[in-house]
Amino acid sequence: MNIGIVGLGLIGGSLGLDLLASTQDHNQAQNYVWGLSRNPETCKQAEAIAAVNIADIDIENIPDRILAQTDIVVICTPIASILSTIALIAPKLPANVIFTDVGSVKAAIVEPASKICQQFNQQFVGSHPMAGTAFQGISAAERNLFQNRPCVVTPSDDLDAVAKVRSLWQSVGMNIHECSPEEHDRAVAMISHAPVMISASLIASCQQEDDDRVLKLAQNLASSGFRDTSRVGGGNPELGRLMAEYNQSAVLRSLQNYQQSLQAVIGLIENKQWEELEAFLANTQRDRPFYVD
């Protein structure tokens, strides 16, 4: 396949590494990967580490013969740039090209992206590979980032386009889940977007301690438990904001459910209902494996 990757950060770079390496490792049909990035140094680095065959800051500088053979374009930009990026490059690409994305919000993207693509007789299939690390940029790209991780693919009337997007993500080891954009956003708000806000609030609540000695002691004593619960709250601020901005209703729904649970726990502790508290914790201990292997 001929694949374009727009946005050569952790996700785009890692995808390119796996797509190009898979043809060497498994004798699969040859993939050709071209890339776009706003940063010329990123383009050079992506070529140097074999995440792409060719990369540039401007699609006009990608040879026409390469663009004409493109099968799929994966938009790996921040959520706020997905639609404008598709609108910018779609006219430069042939009819029947399939666009997909990696955004963590789908309802705000899939329908308008599909309308843009239809103007050029192209297709859009939303996707969300749920993989990553705490690091960013092309220097963080790594092989096998997607192996055995879940990926959502949204449905489309063009079954062939959906099948090709599914196949793309399966080729780098992902487990595919197909659902509507709205179902995706509600589910991801529960297990990804709201936890960012909750984790960030935990860090902020600790910083509210007004006794400097106690605060410093807490910082010195913090270990694996605090590290685990605070990790996502210490992540990329722009990404966290975009999650809330583009998935507002679902994030609020999840945070309000969490608020109710937290208030119930506060009530149990205030009223010294220790047996009831233990029962609550026993239930969460029982239920956690449903979410974490």
C-alpha atoms as a PDB file:
ATOM      1  CA  MET A   1       0.000   0.000   0.000  1.00  0.00           C
ATOM      2  CA  ASN A   2       0.930   3.627  -0.454  1.00  0.00           C
ATOM      3  CA  ILE A   3       0.217   5.447   2.811  1.00  0.00           C
ATOM      4  CA  GLY A   4       0.459   9.093   3.761  1.00  0.00           C
ATOM      5  CA  ILE A   5       1.013  10.114   7.383  1.00  0.00           C
ATOM      6  CA  VAL A   6       0.303  13.732   8.270  1.00  0.00           C
ATOM      7  CA  GLY A   7       1.838  14.597  11.632  1.00  0.00           C
ATOM      8  CA  LEU A   8       5.062  12.781  12.436  1.00  0.00           C
ATOM      9  CA  GLY A   9       4.990  12.705  16.219  1.00  0.00           C
ATOM     10  CA  LEU A  10       4.826   9.704  18.535  1.00  0.00           C
ATOM     11  CA  ILE A  11       1.793   8.121  16.859  1.00  0.00           C
ATOM     12  CA  GLY A  12       2.554   9.022  13.260  1.00  0.00           C
ATOM     13  CA  GLY A  13       6.221   8.148  13.595  1.00  0.00           C
ATOM     14  CA  SER A  14       5.538   4.844  15.313  1.00  0.00           C
ATOM     15  CA  LEU A  15       2.956   3.921  12.687  1.00  0.00           C
ATOM     16  CA  GLY A  16       5.448   4.619   9.912  1.00  0.00           C
ATOM     17  CA  LEU A  17       8.147   2.555  11.617  1.00  0.00           C
ATOM     18  CA  ASP A  18       5.850  -0.463  11.841  1.00  0.00           C
ATOM     19  CA  LEU A  19       4.438  -0.110   8.332  1.00  0.00           C
ATOM     20  CA  LEU A  20       7.869   0.002   6.736  1.00  0.00           C
ATOM     21  CA  ALA A  21       9.388  -2.637   9.003  1.00  0.00           C
ATOM     22  CA  SER A  22       6.510  -5.093   8.457  1.00  0.00           C
ATOM     23  CA  THR A  23       7.409  -5.591   4.814  1.00  0.00           C
ATOM     24  CA  GLN A  24      10.939  -6.575   5.815  1.00  0.00           C
ATOM     25  CA  ASP A  25       9.979  -8.717   8.814  1.00  0.00           C
ATOM     26  CA  HIS A  26       7.149 -10.723   7.285  1.00  0.00           C
ATOM     27  CA  ASN A  27       7.721 -10.542   3.544  1.00  0.00           C
ATOM     28  CA  GLN A  28       4.421  -8.735   3.118  1.00  0.00           C
ATOM     29  CA  ALA A  29       3.483  -6.639   0.085  1.00  0.00           C
ATOM     30  CA  GLN A  30       5.673  -3.569  -0.054  1.00  0.00           C
ATOM     31  CA  ASN A  31       4.407  -0.485   1.771  1.00  0.00           C
ATOM     32  CA  TYR A  32       5.450   2.993   0.717  1.00  0.00           C
ATOM     33  CA  VAL A  33       5.041   5.735   3.329  1.00  0.00           C
ATOM     34  CA  TRP A  34       5.190   9.464   2.710  1.00  0.00           C
ATOM     35  CA  GLY A  35       4.850  12.002   5.492  1.00  0.00           C
ATOM     36  CA  LEU A  36       4.108  15.640   6.229  1.00  0.00           C
ATOM     37  CA  SER A  37       5.220  17.687   9.224  1.00  0.00           C
ATOM     38  CA  ARG A  38       5.330  21.409   9.968  1.00  0.00           C
ATOM     39  CA  ASN A  39       8.932  21.036  11.156  1.00  0.00           C
ATOM     40  CA  PRO A  40      11.638  20.357   8.544  1.00  0.00           C
ATOM     41  CA  GLU A  41      13.891  18.803  11.195  1.00  0.00           C
ATOM     42  CA  THR A  42      11.125  16.344  12.034  1.00  0.00           C
ATOM     43  CA  CYS A  43      10.927  15.405   8.367  1.00  0.00           C
ATOM     44  CA  LYS A  44      14.670  14.748   8.243  1.00  0.00           C
ATOM     45  CA  GLN A  45      14.571  12.676  11.424  1.00  0.00           C
ATOM     46  CA  ALA A  46      11.580  10.650  10.213  1.00  0.00           C
ATOM     47  CA  GLU A  47      13.462   9.765   7.042  1.00  0.00           C
ATOM     48  CA  ALA A  48      16.635   8.989   9.002  1.00  0.00           C
ATOM     49  CA  ILE A  49      14.939   6.465  11.304  1.00  0.00           C
ATOM     50  CA  ALA A  50      12.959   4.899   8.407  1.00  0.00           C
ATOM     51  CA  ALA A  51       9.562   6.002   9.672  1.00  0.00           C
ATOM     52  CA  VAL A  52       8.863   7.290   6.140  1.00  0.00           C
ATOM     53  CA  ASN A  53      10.324   6.907   2.689  1.00  0.00           C
ATOM     54  CA  ILE A  54       9.968  10.625   2.046  1.00  0.00           C
ATOM     55  CA  ALA A  55       8.738  13.563   4.134  1.00  0.00           C
ATOM     56  CA  ASP A  56       8.273  17.283   3.630  1.00  0.00           C
ATOM     57  CA  ILE A  57       6.599  20.306   5.181  1.00  0.00           C
ATOM     58  CA  ASP A  58       4.468  20.893   2.064  1.00  0.00           C
ATOM     59  CA  ILE A  59       2.426  18.330   0.139  1.00  0.00           C
ATOM     60  CA  GLU A  60       3.341  20.233  -3.032  1.00  0.00           C
ATOM     61  CA  ASN A  61       6.880  18.893  -2.616  1.00  0.00           C
ATOM     62  CA  ILE A  62       5.793  15.249  -2.554  1.00  0.00           C
ATOM     63  CA  PRO A  63       6.151  13.967  -6.146  1.00  0.00           C
ATOM     64  CA  ASP A  64       2.874  13.737  -8.061  1.00  0.00           C
ATOM     65  CA  ARG A  65       3.557  10.117  -9.022  1.00  0.00           C
ATOM     66  CA  ILE A  66       3.653   9.199  -5.310  1.00  0.00           C
ATOM     67  CA  LEU A  67       0.508  11.137  -4.409  1.00  0.00           C
ATOM     68  CA  ALA A  68      -1.348   9.613  -7.353  1.00  0.00           C
ATOM     69  CA  GLN A  69      -0.771   6.114  -5.970  1.00  0.00           C
ATOM     70  CA  THR A  70      -1.876   6.908  -2.415  1.00  0.00           C
ATOM     71  CA  ASP A  71      -4.344   4.439  -0.893  1.00  0.00           C
ATOM     72  CA  ILE A  72      -4.806   5.768   2.658  1.00  0.00           C
ATOM     73  CA  VAL A  73      -3.890   8.999   4.432  1.00  0.00           C
ATOM     74  CA  VAL A  74      -3.683   8.923   8.237  1.00  0.00           C
ATOM     75  CA  ILE A  75      -4.137  12.290   9.933  1.00  0.00           C
ATOM     76  CA  CYS A  76      -2.047  12.292  13.116  1.00  0.00           C
ATOM     77  CA  THR A  77      -2.366  15.968  14.005  1.00  0.00           C
ATOM     78  CA  PRO A  78      -3.974  17.362  17.189  1.00  0.00           C
ATOM     79  CA  ILE A  79      -7.782  17.136  17.213  1.00  0.00           C
ATOM     80  CA  ALA A  80      -8.239  20.825  16.445  1.00  0.00           C
ATOM     81  CA  SER A  81      -6.268  20.507  13.191  1.00  0.00           C
ATOM     82  CA  ILE A  82      -7.801  17.351  11.727  1.00  0.00           C
ATOM     83  CA  LEU A  83     -10.578  18.954   9.670  1.00  0.00           C
ATOM     84  CA  SER A  84      -8.507  21.862   8.381  1.00  0.00           C
ATOM     85  CA  THR A  85      -5.704  19.469   7.419  1.00  0.00           C
ATOM     86  CA  ILE A  86      -8.048  17.250   5.414  1.00  0.00           C
ATOM     87  CA  ALA A  87      -9.547  20.295   3.686  1.00  0.00           C
ATOM     88  CA  LEU A  88      -6.046  21.505   2.784  1.00  0.00           C
ATOM     89  CA  ILE A  89      -4.645  18.313   1.294  1.00  0.00           C
ATOM     90  CA  ALA A  90      -7.720  16.536  -0.109  1.00  0.00           C
ATOM     91  CA  PRO A  91      -7.655  18.567  -3.356  1.00  0.00           C
ATOM     92  CA  LYS A  92      -4.057  17.431  -3.922  1.00  0.00           C
ATOM     93  CA  LEU A  93      -4.939  13.737  -3.758  1.00  0.00           C
ATOM     94  CA  PRO A  94      -6.735  11.440  -6.203  1.00  0.00           C
ATOM     95  CA  ALA A  95     -10.366  10.373  -6.015  1.00  0.00           C
ATOM     96  CA  ASN A  96     -11.044   7.231  -3.956  1.00  0.00           C
ATOM     97  CA  VAL A  97      -8.294   7.989  -1.440  1.00  0.00           C
ATOM     98  CA  ILE A  98      -9.343   6.950   2.057  1.00  0.00           C
ATOM     99  CA  PHE A  99      -8.710   9.318   4.932  1.00  0.00           C
ATOM    100  CA  THR A 100      -8.600   8.207   8.551  1.00  0.00           C
ATOM    101  CA  ASP A 101      -7.374   9.838  11.751  1.00  0.00           C
ATOM    102  CA  VAL A 102      -6.064   9.027  15.209  1.00  0.00           C
ATOM    103  CA  GLY A 103      -8.090  11.546  17.215  1.00  0.00           C
ATOM    104  CA  SER A 104      -9.408  10.614  20.640  1.00  0.00           C
ATOM    105  CA  VAL A 105     -12.770  12.252  19.832  1.00  0.00           C
ATOM    106  CA  LYS A 106     -14.949  10.974  17.014  1.00  0.00           C
ATOM    107  CA  ALA A 107     -18.405  12.631  16.993  1.00  0.00           C
ATOM    108  CA  ALA A 108     -16.964  16.093  16.303  1.00  0.00           C
ATOM    109  CA  ILE A 109     -14.768  14.751  13.505  1.00  0.00           C
ATOM    110  CA  VAL A 110     -16.389  11.930  11.527  1.00  0.00           C
ATOM    111  CA  GLU A 111     -19.394  13.677   9.946  1.00  0.00           C
ATOM    112  CA  PRO A 112     -17.682  16.946   8.915  1.00  0.00           C
ATOM    113  CA  ALA A 113     -14.589  15.064   7.703  1.00  0.00           C
ATOM    114  CA  SER A 114     -16.805  12.784   5.610  1.00  0.00           C
ATOM    115  CA  LYS A 115     -18.473  15.811   4.015  1.00  0.00           C
ATOM    116  CA  ILE A 116     -15.115  17.315   3.078  1.00  0.00           C
ATOM    117  CA  CYS A 117     -13.952  14.053   1.513  1.00  0.00           C
ATOM    118  CA  GLN A 118     -17.184  13.552  -0.436  1.00  0.00           C
ATOM    119  CA  GLN A 119     -16.495  16.792  -2.316  1.00  0.00           C
ATOM    120  CA  PHE A 120     -13.490  15.070  -3.905  1.00  0.00           C
ATOM    121  CA  ASN A 121     -15.021  11.588  -4.253  1.00  0.00           C
ATOM    122  CA  GLN A 122     -12.889  10.407  -1.336  1.00  0.00           C
ATOM    123  CA  GLN A 123     -13.828   8.509   1.814  1.00  0.00           C
ATOM    124  CA  PHE A 124     -13.322   9.122   5.520  1.00  0.00           C
ATOM    125  CA  VAL A 125     -13.334   6.413   8.179  1.00  0.00           C
ATOM    126  CA  GLY A 126     -12.717   7.514  11.739  1.00  0.00           C
ATOM    127  CA  SER A 127     -10.273   5.587  13.885  1.00  0.00           C
ATOM    128  CA  HIS A 128      -8.657   5.894  17.290  1.00  0.00           C
ATOM    129  CA  PRO A 129      -5.623   3.737  18.091  1.00  0.00           C
ATOM    130  CA  MET A 130      -5.420   3.654  21.879  1.00  0.00           C
ATOM    131  CA  ALA A 131      -1.690   3.478  22.404  1.00  0.00           C
ATOM    132  CA  GLY A 132       0.975   5.887  23.515  1.00  0.00           C
ATOM    133  CA  THR A 133       3.642   6.796  26.028  1.00  0.00           C
ATOM    134  CA  ALA A 134       4.400   9.777  28.238  1.00  0.00           C
ATOM    135  CA  PHE A 135       6.734  11.136  25.544  1.00  0.00           C
ATOM    136  CA  GLN A 136       6.074  13.215  22.439  1.00  0.00           C
ATOM    137  CA  GLY A 137       7.598  13.910  19.051  1.00  0.00           C
ATOM    138  CA  ILE A 138       9.349  11.868  16.395  1.00  0.00           C
ATOM    139  CA  SER A 139      12.195  11.097  18.810  1.00  0.00           C
ATOM    140  CA  ALA A 140       9.683   9.141  20.931  1.00  0.00           C
ATOM    141  CA  ALA A 141       8.538   6.947  18.022  1.00  0.00           C
ATOM    142  CA  GLU A 142       9.006   3.237  18.644  1.00  0.00           C
ATOM    143  CA  ARG A 143       8.379  -0.122  17.031  1.00  0.00           C
ATOM    144  CA  ASN A 144       5.454  -2.263  18.216  1.00  0.00           C
ATOM    145  CA  LEU A 145       3.735   0.626  20.012  1.00  0.00           C
ATOM    146  CA  PHE A 146       0.355  -0.626  18.764  1.00  0.00           C
ATOM    147  CA  GLN A 147       0.876  -4.339  19.387  1.00  0.00           C
ATOM    148  CA  ASN A 148      -2.170  -5.910  21.105  1.00  0.00           C
ATOM    149  CA  ARG A 149      -3.668  -2.499  21.873  1.00  0.00           C
ATOM    150  CA  PRO A 150      -7.307  -1.596  21.083  1.00  0.00           C
ATOM    151  CA  CYS A 151      -8.284   0.545  18.134  1.00  0.00           C
ATOM    152  CA  VAL A 152     -11.747   1.915  17.413  1.00  0.00           C
ATOM    153  CA  VAL A 153     -12.922   2.121  13.807  1.00  0.00           C
ATOM    154  CA  THR A 154     -16.197   3.903  13.076  1.00  0.00           C
ATOM    155  CA  PRO A 155     -18.697   2.487  10.559  1.00  0.00           C
ATOM    156  CA  SER A 156     -19.262   3.862   7.063  1.00  0.00           C
ATOM    157  CA  ASP A 157     -21.520   3.076   4.102  1.00  0.00           C
ATOM    158  CA  ASP A 158     -18.361   2.282   2.156  1.00  0.00           C
ATOM    159  CA  LEU A 159     -17.602  -1.176   3.524  1.00  0.00           C
ATOM    160  CA  ASP A 160     -14.451  -1.479   1.423  1.00  0.00           C
ATOM    161  CA  ALA A 161     -13.017   1.693   2.970  1.00  0.00           C
ATOM    162  CA  VAL A 162     -13.782   0.398   6.471  1.00  0.00           C
ATOM    163  CA  ALA A 163     -12.136  -2.929   5.644  1.00  0.00           C
ATOM    164  CA  LYS A 164      -8.977  -1.190   4.421  1.00  0.00           C
ATOM    165  CA  VAL A 165      -8.722   0.968   7.541  1.00  0.00           C
ATOM    166  CA  ARG A 166      -9.280  -2.081   9.748  1.00  0.00           C
ATOM    167  CA  SER A 167      -6.562  -3.910   7.809  1.00  0.00           C
ATOM    168  CA  LEU A 168      -4.141  -1.007   8.228  1.00  0.00           C
ATOM    169  CA  TRP A 169      -4.407  -1.076  12.012  1.00  0.00           C
ATOM    170  CA  GLN A 170      -4.452  -4.862  12.177  1.00  0.00           C
ATOM    171  CA  SER A 171      -1.211  -4.924  10.193  1.00  0.00           C
ATOM    172  CA  VAL A 172       0.535  -3.159  13.108  1.00  0.00           C
ATOM    173  CA  GLY A 173      -0.973  -5.534  15.670  1.00  0.00           C
ATOM    174  CA  MET A 174      -4.082  -3.719  16.901  1.00  0.00           C
ATOM    175  CA  ASN A 175      -7.332  -5.270  18.123  1.00  0.00           C
ATOM    176  CA  ILE A 176     -10.246  -3.618  16.310  1.00  0.00           C
ATOM    177  CA  HIS A 177     -13.512  -2.491  17.904  1.00  0.00           C
ATOM    178  CA  GLU A 178     -16.184  -1.012  15.644  1.00  0.00           C
ATOM    179  CA  CYS A 179     -18.699   1.415  17.158  1.00  0.00           C
ATOM    180  CA  SER A 180     -20.492   4.673  16.440  1.00  0.00           C
ATOM    181  CA  PRO A 181     -18.690   7.970  17.083  1.00  0.00           C
ATOM    182  CA  GLU A 182     -21.101   8.748  19.939  1.00  0.00           C
ATOM    183  CA  GLU A 183     -20.545   5.394  21.641  1.00  0.00           C
ATOM    184  CA  HIS A 184     -16.802   5.865  21.305  1.00  0.00           C
ATOM    185  CA  ASP A 185     -16.873   9.305  22.887  1.00  0.00           C
ATOM    186  CA  ARG A 186     -18.919   8.196  25.892  1.00  0.00           C
ATOM    187  CA  ALA A 187     -16.720   5.160  26.515  1.00  0.00           C
ATOM    188  CA  VAL A 188     -13.444   7.040  26.093  1.00  0.00           C
ATOM    189  CA  ALA A 189     -14.662   9.843  28.364  1.00  0.00           C
ATOM    190  CA  MET A 190     -15.052   7.271  31.145  1.00  0.00           C
ATOM    191  CA  ILE A 191     -11.677   5.587  30.847  1.00  0.00           C
ATOM    192  CA  SER A 192      -9.414   8.248  29.329  1.00  0.00           C
ATOM    193  CA  HIS A 193     -10.693  11.819  29.262  1.00  0.00           C
ATOM    194  CA  ALA A 194     -12.285  12.109  32.719  1.00  0.00           C
ATOM    195  CA  PRO A 195      -9.295  10.343  34.359  1.00  0.00           C
ATOM    196  CA  VAL A 196      -7.018  13.095  33.026  1.00  0.00           C
ATOM    197  CA  MET A 197      -9.146  15.713  34.823  1.00  0.00           C
ATOM    198  CA  ILE A 198      -9.438  13.599  37.965  1.00  0.00           C
ATOM    199  CA  SER A 199      -5.702  12.910  38.066  1.00  0.00           C
ATOM    200  CA  ALA A 200      -4.895  16.589  37.484  1.00  0.00           C
ATOM    201  CA  SER A 201      -7.293  17.542  40.281  1.00  0.00           C
ATOM    202  CA  LEU A 202      -5.491  15.164  42.642  1.00  0.00           C
ATOM    203  CA  ILE A 203      -2.183  16.901  41.927  1.00  0.00           C
ATOM    204  CA  ALA A 204      -3.807  20.318  42.367  1.00  0.00           C
ATOM    205  CA  SER A 205      -5.411  19.286  45.673  1.00  0.00           C
ATOM    206  CA  CYS A 206      -2.034  18.216  47.048  1.00  0.00           C
ATOM    207  CA  GLN A 207      -0.548  21.555  46.049  1.00  0.00           C
ATOM    208  CA  GLN A 208      -3.196  23.300  48.150  1.00  0.00           C
ATOM    209  CA  GLU A 209      -1.496  22.128  51.379  1.00  0.00           C
ATOM    210  CA  ASP A 210      -0.512  25.342  53.160  1.00  0.00           C
ATOM    211  CA  ASP A 211       2.029  23.812  55.536  1.00  0.00           C
ATOM    212  CA  ASP A 212       5.278  23.827  53.550  1.00  0.00           C
ATOM    213  CA  ARG A 213       6.879  21.159  55.743  1.00  0.00           C
ATOM    214  CA  VAL A 214       3.968  18.772  55.254  1.00  0.00           C
ATOM    215  CA  LEU A 215       3.856  19.486  51.517  1.00  0.00           C
ATOM    216  CA  LYS A 216       7.584  18.812  51.148  1.00  0.00           C
ATOM    217  CA  LEU A 217       7.264  15.624  53.182  1.00  0.00           C
ATOM    218  CA  ALA A 218       4.413  14.436  50.963  1.00  0.00           C
ATOM    219  CA  GLN A 219       6.494  15.124  47.873  1.00  0.00           C
ATOM    220  CA  ASN A 220       9.410  13.141  49.306  1.00  0.00           C
ATOM    221  CA  LEU A 221       7.177  10.229  50.341  1.00  0.00           C
ATOM    222  CA  ALA A 222       5.216   9.972  47.096  1.00  0.00           C
ATOM    223  CA  SER A 223       5.913   6.634  45.459  1.00  0.00           C
ATOM    224  CA  SER A 224       4.325   4.148  43.073  1.00  0.00           C
ATOM    225  CA  GLY A 225       0.733   4.633  44.236  1.00  0.00           C
ATOM    226  CA  PHE A 226       0.812   8.387  43.684  1.00  0.00           C
ATOM    227  CA  ARG A 227       2.836   7.943  40.512  1.00  0.00           C
ATOM    228  CA  ASP A 228       0.160   5.646  39.050  1.00  0.00           C
ATOM    229  CA  THR A 229      -2.813   7.813  40.003  1.00  0.00           C
ATOM    230  CA  SER A 230      -1.208  11.104  38.964  1.00  0.00           C
ATOM    231  CA  ARG A 231       0.498  10.061  35.719  1.00  0.00           C
ATOM    232  CA  VAL A 232      -2.151  11.140  33.218  1.00  0.00           C
ATOM    233  CA  GLY A 233      -2.742  14.380  35.115  1.00  0.00           C
ATOM    234  CA  GLY A 234       0.863  15.321  34.416  1.00  0.00           C
ATOM    235  CA  GLY A 235       0.547  14.803  30.667  1.00  0.00           C
ATOM    236  CA  ASN A 236       0.227  17.132  27.685  1.00  0.00           C
ATOM    237  CA  PRO A 237      -1.941  20.129  28.748  1.00  0.00           C
ATOM    238  CA  GLU A 238      -3.035  20.916  25.174  1.00  0.00           C
ATOM    239  CA  LEU A 239      -4.244  17.364  24.635  1.00  0.00           C
ATOM    240  CA  GLY A 240      -6.158  17.429  27.916  1.00  0.00           C
ATOM    241  CA  ARG A 241      -7.854  20.687  26.981  1.00  0.00           C
ATOM    242  CA  LEU A 242      -8.826  19.371  23.545  1.00  0.00           C
ATOM    243  CA  MET A 243     -10.319  16.226  25.080  1.00  0.00           C
ATOM    244  CA  ALA A 244     -12.608  18.370  27.223  1.00  0.00           C
ATOM    245  CA  GLU A 245     -13.341  20.907  24.494  1.00  0.00           C
ATOM    246  CA  TYR A 246     -14.278  18.424  21.760  1.00  0.00           C
ATOM    247  CA  ASN A 247     -15.943  15.846  24.031  1.00  0.00           C
ATOM    248  CA  GLN A 248     -17.533  18.226  26.517  1.00  0.00           C
ATOM    249  CA  SER A 249     -20.864  16.531  27.183  1.00  0.00           C
ATOM    250  CA  ALA A 250     -19.423  13.045  27.636  1.00  0.00           C
ATOM    251  CA  VAL A 251     -16.579  14.304  29.837  1.00  0.00           C
ATOM    252  CA  LEU A 252     -19.020  16.226  32.031  1.00  0.00           C
ATOM    253  CA  ARG A 253     -21.262  13.162  32.322  1.00  0.00           C
ATOM    254  CA  SER A 254     -18.311  11.039  33.491  1.00  0.00           C
ATOM    255  CA  LEU A 255     -17.033  13.692  35.912  1.00  0.00           C
ATOM    256  CA  GLN A 256     -20.494  14.117  37.417  1.00  0.00           C
ATOM    257  CA  ASN A 257     -20.773  10.345  37.954  1.00  0.00           C
ATOM    258  CA  TYR A 258     -17.344  10.412  39.598  1.00  0.00           C
ATOM    259  CA  GLN A 259     -18.395  13.363  41.740  1.00  0.00           C
ATOM    260  CA  GLN A 260     -21.388  11.373  43.005  1.00  0.00           C
ATOM    261  CA  SER A 261     -19.191   8.394  43.863  1.00  0.00           C
ATOM    262  CA  LEU A 262     -16.657  10.603  45.634  1.00  0.00           C
ATOM    263  CA  GLN A 263     -19.388  12.348  47.605  1.00  0.00           C
ATOM    264  CA  ALA A 264     -20.741   8.963  48.680  1.00  0.00           C
ATOM    265  CA  VAL A 265     -17.289   7.987  49.971  1.00  0.00           C
ATOM    266  CA  ILE A 266     -16.996  11.288  51.843  1.00  0.00           C
ATOM    267  CA  GLY A 267     -20.346  10.563  53.473  1.00  0.00           C
ATOM    268  CA  LEU A 268     -19.261   7.093  54.578  1.00  0.00           C
ATOM    269  CA  ILE A 269     -16.097   8.465  56.170  1.00  0.00           C
ATOM    270  CA  GLU A 270     -17.848  11.407  57.832  1.00  0.00           C
ATOM    271  CA  ASN A 271     -20.419   9.066  59.362  1.00  0.00           C
ATOM    272  CA  LYS A 272     -17.813   6.461  60.362  1.00  0.00           C
ATOM    273  CA  GLN A 273     -19.538   3.788  58.310  1.00  0.00           C
ATOM    274  CA  TRP A 274     -16.453   1.647  58.162  1.00  0.00           C
ATOM    275  CA  GLU A 275     -18.115  -1.618  57.171  1.00  0.00           C
ATOM    276  CA  GLU A 276     -19.967   0.107  54.352  1.00  0.00           C
ATOM    277  CA  LEU A 277     -16.716   1.717  53.211  1.00  0.00           C
ATOM    278  CA  GLU A 278     -14.993  -1.656  53.170  1.00  0.00           C
ATOM    279  CA  ALA A 279     -17.873  -3.089  51.139  1.00  0.00           C
ATOM    280  CA  PHE A 280     -17.547  -0.207  48.659  1.00  0.00           C
ATOM    281  CA  LEU A 281     -13.817  -0.908  48.310  1.00  0.00           C
ATOM    282  CA  ALA A 282     -14.488  -4.631  47.939  1.00  0.00           C
ATOM    283  CA  ASN A 283     -16.795  -3.856  45.029  1.00  0.00           C
ATOM    284  CA  THR A 284     -14.188  -1.699  43.306  1.00  0.00           C
ATOM    285  CA  GLN A 285     -11.552  -4.370  43.891  1.00  0.00           C
ATOM    286  CA  ARG A 286     -13.892  -6.889  42.237  1.00  0.00           C
ATOM    287  CA  ASP A 287     -14.683  -4.631  39.290  1.00  0.00           C
ATOM    288  CA  ARG A 288     -11.208  -3.302  38.433  1.00  0.00           C
ATOM    289  CA  PRO A 289     -10.157  -6.379  36.409  1.00  0.00           C
ATOM    290  CA  PHE A 290     -12.974  -5.626  33.949  1.00  0.00           C
ATOM    291  CA  TYR A 291     -10.959  -2.563  32.882  1.00  0.00           C
ATOM    292  CA  VAL A 292      -7.344  -3.590  33.455  1.00  0.00           C
ATOM    293  CA  ASP A 293      -5.753  -6.873  32.436  1.00  0.00           C
END
